[in-house]
Amino acid sequence: MPPDATATKRRILEAAYHEFARYGLAGARVDRMADAAQANKRLIYVHFGNKAELFDLIVARSLADLAEAVPFTAEDLPGYAGEVFDYLITYPEVVRLTGWAQLERPEPTEDEIAAYRPKVAAIQAARPALGSLESADPTDILALVLGLTTAWANASPALRALAPEKPWSPKRLRTHRTVIIAAVEAFVARQ
């Protein structure tokens, strides 16, 4: 009977997650992943295919993990935005992974699209409750909510430096979270 590869696969996925978040697809090195996972480099290819396939898997899994951790509620977009912000502060690698994916793999995978499809459908179903946004495209609504949610992480370091508190201090993050929720509330408010 062959040995159970579950623990090895888990270590490889964990190492790949951190490697891709730090270096992107082009800069990531399979050798470093193997070393970090304490696994044979060949096993990465055996279990996950080439580096690009592993990158796509890691990006899709990070979106799926976010979706599982932060349930989507189209009827409470401000609450959703606050919860996503909290998740991304805890797991900043997700923002970096999706940023790398946009830069290095501009065509999304089916798994990435699948992560957003139920959210767009939920917004479509909730449109009558969205007041002035009832006629807006659900994809635009989700893009704007997520854009507001990730604005602090994606803002220029020079702009963040102008904040009255240190950019990543707990006080600054609480303030920014409050502003995000207020902005999404205003965005979805009935007119």
C-alpha atoms as a PDB file:
ATOM      1  CA  MET A   1       0.000   0.000   0.000  1.00  0.00           C
ATOM      2  CA  PRO A   2       1.454   3.416  -0.961  1.00  0.00           C
ATOM      3  CA  PRO A   3       1.968   5.961   1.820  1.00  0.00           C
ATOM      4  CA  ASP A   4      -0.765   8.514   2.499  1.00  0.00           C
ATOM      5  CA  ALA A   5       0.139  11.743   0.712  1.00  0.00           C
ATOM      6  CA  THR A   6      -2.457  13.917   2.473  1.00  0.00           C
ATOM      7  CA  ALA A   7      -0.036  15.610   4.868  1.00  0.00           C
ATOM      8  CA  THR A   8       2.497  16.197   2.101  1.00  0.00           C
ATOM      9  CA  LYS A   9      -0.150  17.745  -0.167  1.00  0.00           C
ATOM     10  CA  ARG A  10      -1.296  20.012   2.651  1.00  0.00           C
ATOM     11  CA  ARG A  11       2.273  21.192   3.298  1.00  0.00           C
ATOM     12  CA  ILE A  12       2.818  21.807  -0.429  1.00  0.00           C
ATOM     13  CA  LEU A  13      -0.396  23.824  -0.713  1.00  0.00           C
ATOM     14  CA  GLU A  14       0.532  25.891   2.330  1.00  0.00           C
ATOM     15  CA  ALA A  15       4.024  26.562   0.980  1.00  0.00           C
ATOM     16  CA  ALA A  16       2.660  27.397  -2.474  1.00  0.00           C
ATOM     17  CA  TYR A  17       0.108  29.799  -0.965  1.00  0.00           C
ATOM     18  CA  HIS A  18       2.825  31.822   0.767  1.00  0.00           C
ATOM     19  CA  GLU A  19       5.282  31.597  -2.130  1.00  0.00           C
ATOM     20  CA  PHE A  20       2.763  32.803  -4.727  1.00  0.00           C
ATOM     21  CA  ALA A  21       1.431  35.538  -2.439  1.00  0.00           C
ATOM     22  CA  ARG A  22       4.935  36.870  -1.961  1.00  0.00           C
ATOM     23  CA  TYR A  23       6.393  36.464  -5.451  1.00  0.00           C
ATOM     24  CA  GLY A  24       3.512  35.927  -7.886  1.00  0.00           C
ATOM     25  CA  LEU A  25       3.530  33.317 -10.613  1.00  0.00           C
ATOM     26  CA  ALA A  26       6.654  34.499 -12.423  1.00  0.00           C
ATOM     27  CA  GLY A  27       8.741  35.058  -9.295  1.00  0.00           C
ATOM     28  CA  ALA A  28       7.703  31.972  -7.369  1.00  0.00           C
ATOM     29  CA  ARG A  29      10.144  29.088  -7.293  1.00  0.00           C
ATOM     30  CA  VAL A  30       9.124  25.453  -7.038  1.00  0.00           C
ATOM     31  CA  ASP A  31      12.425  24.712  -5.268  1.00  0.00           C
ATOM     32  CA  ARG A  32      11.495  27.113  -2.449  1.00  0.00           C
ATOM     33  CA  MET A  33       8.028  25.570  -2.209  1.00  0.00           C
ATOM     34  CA  ALA A  34       9.517  22.099  -1.946  1.00  0.00           C
ATOM     35  CA  ASP A  35      11.968  23.228   0.731  1.00  0.00           C
ATOM     36  CA  ALA A  36       9.250  24.989   2.744  1.00  0.00           C
ATOM     37  CA  ALA A  37       6.965  21.959   2.440  1.00  0.00           C
ATOM     38  CA  GLN A  38       9.774  19.527   3.261  1.00  0.00           C
ATOM     39  CA  ALA A  39       8.764  17.639   0.134  1.00  0.00           C
ATOM     40  CA  ASN A  40      10.456  16.368  -2.979  1.00  0.00           C
ATOM     41  CA  LYS A  41      10.122  18.891  -5.819  1.00  0.00           C
ATOM     42  CA  ARG A  42       8.921  16.130  -8.126  1.00  0.00           C
ATOM     43  CA  LEU A  43       5.921  15.542  -5.837  1.00  0.00           C
ATOM     44  CA  ILE A  44       4.653  19.056  -6.529  1.00  0.00           C
ATOM     45  CA  TYR A  45       4.429  18.252 -10.231  1.00  0.00           C
ATOM     46  CA  VAL A  46       2.964  14.789  -9.562  1.00  0.00           C
ATOM     47  CA  HIS A  47       0.196  16.096  -7.297  1.00  0.00           C
ATOM     48  CA  PHE A  48      -0.527  19.518  -8.803  1.00  0.00           C
ATOM     49  CA  GLY A  49       0.811  19.730 -12.348  1.00  0.00           C
ATOM     50  CA  ASN A  50       2.991  22.595 -13.519  1.00  0.00           C
ATOM     51  CA  LYS A  51       3.618  25.839 -11.650  1.00  0.00           C
ATOM     52  CA  ALA A  52       0.898  27.748 -13.530  1.00  0.00           C
ATOM     53  CA  GLU A  53      -1.686  25.077 -12.702  1.00  0.00           C
ATOM     54  CA  LEU A  54      -0.682  25.196  -9.053  1.00  0.00           C
ATOM     55  CA  PHE A  55      -0.934  28.994  -9.060  1.00  0.00           C
ATOM     56  CA  ASP A  56      -4.444  28.829 -10.538  1.00  0.00           C
ATOM     57  CA  LEU A  57      -5.432  26.282  -7.886  1.00  0.00           C
ATOM     58  CA  ILE A  58      -4.063  28.454  -5.067  1.00  0.00           C
ATOM     59  CA  VAL A  59      -5.886  31.574  -6.313  1.00  0.00           C
ATOM     60  CA  ALA A  60      -9.162  29.673  -6.705  1.00  0.00           C
ATOM     61  CA  ARG A  61      -8.795  28.063  -3.269  1.00  0.00           C
ATOM     62  CA  SER A  62      -8.101  31.415  -1.626  1.00  0.00           C
ATOM     63  CA  LEU A  63     -11.329  32.803  -3.135  1.00  0.00           C
ATOM     64  CA  ALA A  64     -13.241  29.687  -2.074  1.00  0.00           C
ATOM     65  CA  ASP A  65     -11.845  29.967   1.470  1.00  0.00           C
ATOM     66  CA  LEU A  66     -12.958  33.609   1.602  1.00  0.00           C
ATOM     67  CA  ALA A  67     -16.439  32.672   0.357  1.00  0.00           C
ATOM     68  CA  GLU A  68     -16.707  29.954   3.000  1.00  0.00           C
ATOM     69  CA  ALA A  69     -15.463  32.172   5.824  1.00  0.00           C
ATOM     70  CA  VAL A  70     -17.585  35.200   4.869  1.00  0.00           C
ATOM     71  CA  PRO A  71     -21.052  34.183   3.705  1.00  0.00           C
ATOM     72  CA  PHE A  72     -22.468  36.507   1.082  1.00  0.00           C
ATOM     73  CA  THR A  73     -25.721  38.295   1.804  1.00  0.00           C
ATOM     74  CA  ALA A  74     -26.980  40.540  -0.989  1.00  0.00           C
ATOM     75  CA  GLU A  75     -29.487  42.061   1.427  1.00  0.00           C
ATOM     76  CA  ASP A  76     -26.672  43.268   3.705  1.00  0.00           C
ATOM     77  CA  LEU A  77     -23.903  44.510   1.425  1.00  0.00           C
ATOM     78  CA  PRO A  78     -22.508  46.911   4.071  1.00  0.00           C
ATOM     79  CA  GLY A  79     -22.178  44.061   6.589  1.00  0.00           C
ATOM     80  CA  TYR A  80     -20.609  41.856   3.943  1.00  0.00           C
ATOM     81  CA  ALA A  81     -18.092  44.583   3.085  1.00  0.00           C
ATOM     82  CA  GLY A  82     -17.087  44.912   6.743  1.00  0.00           C
ATOM     83  CA  GLU A  83     -16.657  41.154   7.128  1.00  0.00           C
ATOM     84  CA  VAL A  84     -14.600  40.880   3.934  1.00  0.00           C
ATOM     85  CA  PHE A  85     -12.408  43.757   5.121  1.00  0.00           C
ATOM     86  CA  ASP A  86     -11.806  41.934   8.412  1.00  0.00           C
ATOM     87  CA  TYR A  87     -10.953  38.709   6.577  1.00  0.00           C
ATOM     88  CA  LEU A  88      -8.513  40.466   4.245  1.00  0.00           C
ATOM     89  CA  ILE A  89      -6.781  42.177   7.154  1.00  0.00           C
ATOM     90  CA  THR A  90      -6.328  38.748   8.745  1.00  0.00           C
ATOM     91  CA  TYR A  91      -5.322  37.106   5.432  1.00  0.00           C
ATOM     92  CA  PRO A  92      -3.622  39.823   3.341  1.00  0.00           C
ATOM     93  CA  GLU A  93      -2.206  37.129   1.058  1.00  0.00           C
ATOM     94  CA  VAL A  94      -5.618  36.922  -0.635  1.00  0.00           C
ATOM     95  CA  VAL A  95      -5.346  40.510  -1.893  1.00  0.00           C
ATOM     96  CA  ARG A  96      -1.806  39.856  -3.079  1.00  0.00           C
ATOM     97  CA  LEU A  97      -2.777  36.592  -4.815  1.00  0.00           C
ATOM     98  CA  THR A  98      -5.671  38.172  -6.681  1.00  0.00           C
ATOM     99  CA  GLY A  99      -3.446  41.116  -7.586  1.00  0.00           C
ATOM    100  CA  TRP A 100      -0.803  38.790  -8.990  1.00  0.00           C
ATOM    101  CA  ALA A 101      -3.501  36.884 -10.876  1.00  0.00           C
ATOM    102  CA  GLN A 102      -4.709  40.103 -12.517  1.00  0.00           C
ATOM    103  CA  LEU A 103      -1.179  41.057 -13.509  1.00  0.00           C
ATOM    104  CA  GLU A 104       0.068  37.669 -14.648  1.00  0.00           C
ATOM    105  CA  ARG A 105      -3.054  35.766 -15.691  1.00  0.00           C
ATOM    106  CA  PRO A 106      -5.509  38.344 -17.047  1.00  0.00           C
ATOM    107  CA  GLU A 107      -7.856  35.621 -18.290  1.00  0.00           C
ATOM    108  CA  PRO A 108      -9.708  34.160 -15.301  1.00  0.00           C
ATOM    109  CA  THR A 109     -10.027  30.460 -14.709  1.00  0.00           C
ATOM    110  CA  GLU A 110     -13.441  28.804 -14.492  1.00  0.00           C
ATOM    111  CA  ASP A 111     -12.860  28.261 -10.763  1.00  0.00           C
ATOM    112  CA  GLU A 112     -12.252  31.971 -10.233  1.00  0.00           C
ATOM    113  CA  ILE A 113     -15.416  32.845 -12.153  1.00  0.00           C
ATOM    114  CA  ALA A 114     -17.333  30.248 -10.130  1.00  0.00           C
ATOM    115  CA  ALA A 115     -16.324  32.052  -6.910  1.00  0.00           C
ATOM    116  CA  TYR A 116     -18.180  35.188  -8.042  1.00  0.00           C
ATOM    117  CA  ARG A 117     -21.123  33.667  -9.943  1.00  0.00           C
ATOM    118  CA  PRO A 118     -23.360  32.942  -6.892  1.00  0.00           C
ATOM    119  CA  LYS A 119     -22.767  36.442  -5.515  1.00  0.00           C
ATOM    120  CA  VAL A 120     -23.802  38.058  -8.796  1.00  0.00           C
ATOM    121  CA  ALA A 121     -26.873  35.802  -8.913  1.00  0.00           C
ATOM    122  CA  ALA A 122     -27.780  36.734  -5.319  1.00  0.00           C
ATOM    123  CA  ILE A 123     -27.545  40.440  -6.136  1.00  0.00           C
ATOM    124  CA  GLN A 124     -29.707  39.843  -9.218  1.00  0.00           C
ATOM    125  CA  ALA A 125     -32.338  38.161  -7.036  1.00  0.00           C
ATOM    126  CA  ALA A 126     -32.175  40.959  -4.429  1.00  0.00           C
ATOM    127  CA  ARG A 127     -32.376  43.840  -6.928  1.00  0.00           C
ATOM    128  CA  PRO A 128     -35.911  44.894  -5.960  1.00  0.00           C
ATOM    129  CA  ALA A 129     -34.638  45.543  -2.416  1.00  0.00           C
ATOM    130  CA  LEU A 130     -31.699  47.635  -3.642  1.00  0.00           C
ATOM    131  CA  GLY A 131     -33.644  50.826  -4.249  1.00  0.00           C
ATOM    132  CA  SER A 132     -31.863  53.099  -6.696  1.00  0.00           C
ATOM    133  CA  LEU A 133     -29.583  50.227  -7.703  1.00  0.00           C
ATOM    134  CA  GLU A 134     -32.496  48.072  -8.873  1.00  0.00           C
ATOM    135  CA  SER A 135     -31.597  48.674 -12.517  1.00  0.00           C
ATOM    136  CA  ALA A 136     -27.819  48.440 -12.018  1.00  0.00           C
ATOM    137  CA  ASP A 137     -25.922  45.454 -13.336  1.00  0.00           C
ATOM    138  CA  PRO A 138     -25.210  43.046 -10.441  1.00  0.00           C
ATOM    139  CA  THR A 139     -21.612  42.651 -11.619  1.00  0.00           C
ATOM    140  CA  ASP A 140     -21.086  46.415 -11.292  1.00  0.00           C
ATOM    141  CA  ILE A 141     -22.598  46.408  -7.812  1.00  0.00           C
ATOM    142  CA  LEU A 142     -20.322  43.608  -6.617  1.00  0.00           C
ATOM    143  CA  ALA A 143     -17.260  45.184  -8.253  1.00  0.00           C
ATOM    144  CA  LEU A 144     -17.912  48.494  -6.499  1.00  0.00           C
ATOM    145  CA  VAL A 145     -18.551  46.879  -3.113  1.00  0.00           C
ATOM    146  CA  LEU A 146     -15.358  44.821  -3.382  1.00  0.00           C
ATOM    147  CA  GLY A 147     -13.469  47.859  -4.683  1.00  0.00           C
ATOM    148  CA  LEU A 148     -14.473  49.847  -1.614  1.00  0.00           C
ATOM    149  CA  THR A 149     -13.591  46.897   0.590  1.00  0.00           C
ATOM    150  CA  THR A 150     -10.085  46.541  -0.828  1.00  0.00           C
ATOM    151  CA  ALA A 151      -9.425  50.266  -1.291  1.00  0.00           C
ATOM    152  CA  TRP A 152      -7.143  50.579   1.753  1.00  0.00           C
ATOM    153  CA  ALA A 153      -5.027  47.576   0.815  1.00  0.00           C
ATOM    154  CA  ASN A 154      -4.736  48.800  -2.771  1.00  0.00           C
ATOM    155  CA  ALA A 155      -4.157  52.478  -1.961  1.00  0.00           C
ATOM    156  CA  SER A 156      -0.775  53.996  -2.646  1.00  0.00           C
ATOM    157  CA  PRO A 157       1.565  53.777   0.342  1.00  0.00           C
ATOM    158  CA  ALA A 158       2.069  57.539  -0.076  1.00  0.00           C
ATOM    159  CA  LEU A 159      -1.661  58.135   0.345  1.00  0.00           C
ATOM    160  CA  ARG A 160      -1.886  55.765   3.332  1.00  0.00           C
ATOM    161  CA  ALA A 161       1.022  57.666   4.929  1.00  0.00           C
ATOM    162  CA  LEU A 162      -1.191  60.766   5.101  1.00  0.00           C
ATOM    163  CA  ALA A 163      -3.669  59.057   7.440  1.00  0.00           C
ATOM    164  CA  PRO A 164      -3.701  60.543  10.951  1.00  0.00           C
ATOM    165  CA  GLU A 165      -2.646  57.193  12.463  1.00  0.00           C
ATOM    166  CA  LYS A 166      -0.130  54.635  11.262  1.00  0.00           C
ATOM    167  CA  PRO A 167      -1.661  53.010   8.168  1.00  0.00           C
ATOM    168  CA  TRP A 168      -1.988  49.499   9.616  1.00  0.00           C
ATOM    169  CA  SER A 169      -2.588  50.364  13.268  1.00  0.00           C
ATOM    170  CA  PRO A 170      -5.698  48.843  14.855  1.00  0.00           C
ATOM    171  CA  LYS A 171      -7.189  52.315  15.301  1.00  0.00           C
ATOM    172  CA  ARG A 172      -6.659  53.201  11.615  1.00  0.00           C
ATOM    173  CA  LEU A 173      -8.123  49.887  10.479  1.00  0.00           C
ATOM    174  CA  ARG A 174     -11.219  50.352  12.697  1.00  0.00           C
ATOM    175  CA  THR A 175     -11.684  53.844  11.283  1.00  0.00           C
ATOM    176  CA  HIS A 176     -11.286  52.648   7.718  1.00  0.00           C
ATOM    177  CA  ARG A 177     -13.692  49.748   8.292  1.00  0.00           C
ATOM    178  CA  THR A 178     -16.315  52.219   9.574  1.00  0.00           C
ATOM    179  CA  VAL A 179     -15.836  54.374   6.481  1.00  0.00           C
ATOM    180  CA  ILE A 180     -16.156  51.343   4.177  1.00  0.00           C
ATOM    181  CA  ILE A 181     -19.443  50.305   5.762  1.00  0.00           C
ATOM    182  CA  ALA A 182     -20.793  53.866   5.596  1.00  0.00           C
ATOM    183  CA  ALA A 183     -19.753  54.163   1.949  1.00  0.00           C
ATOM    184  CA  VAL A 184     -21.471  50.894   0.999  1.00  0.00           C
ATOM    185  CA  GLU A 185     -24.561  51.919   2.996  1.00  0.00           C
ATOM    186  CA  ALA A 186     -24.681  55.182   1.060  1.00  0.00           C
ATOM    187  CA  PHE A 187     -24.102  53.319  -2.182  1.00  0.00           C
ATOM    188  CA  VAL A 188     -27.049  50.982  -1.655  1.00  0.00           C
ATOM    189  CA  ALA A 189     -29.370  53.443   0.115  1.00  0.00           C
ATOM    190  CA  ARG A 190     -32.841  53.964  -1.323  1.00  0.00           C
ATOM    191  CA  GLN A 191     -33.294  57.261  -3.102  1.00  0.00           C
END
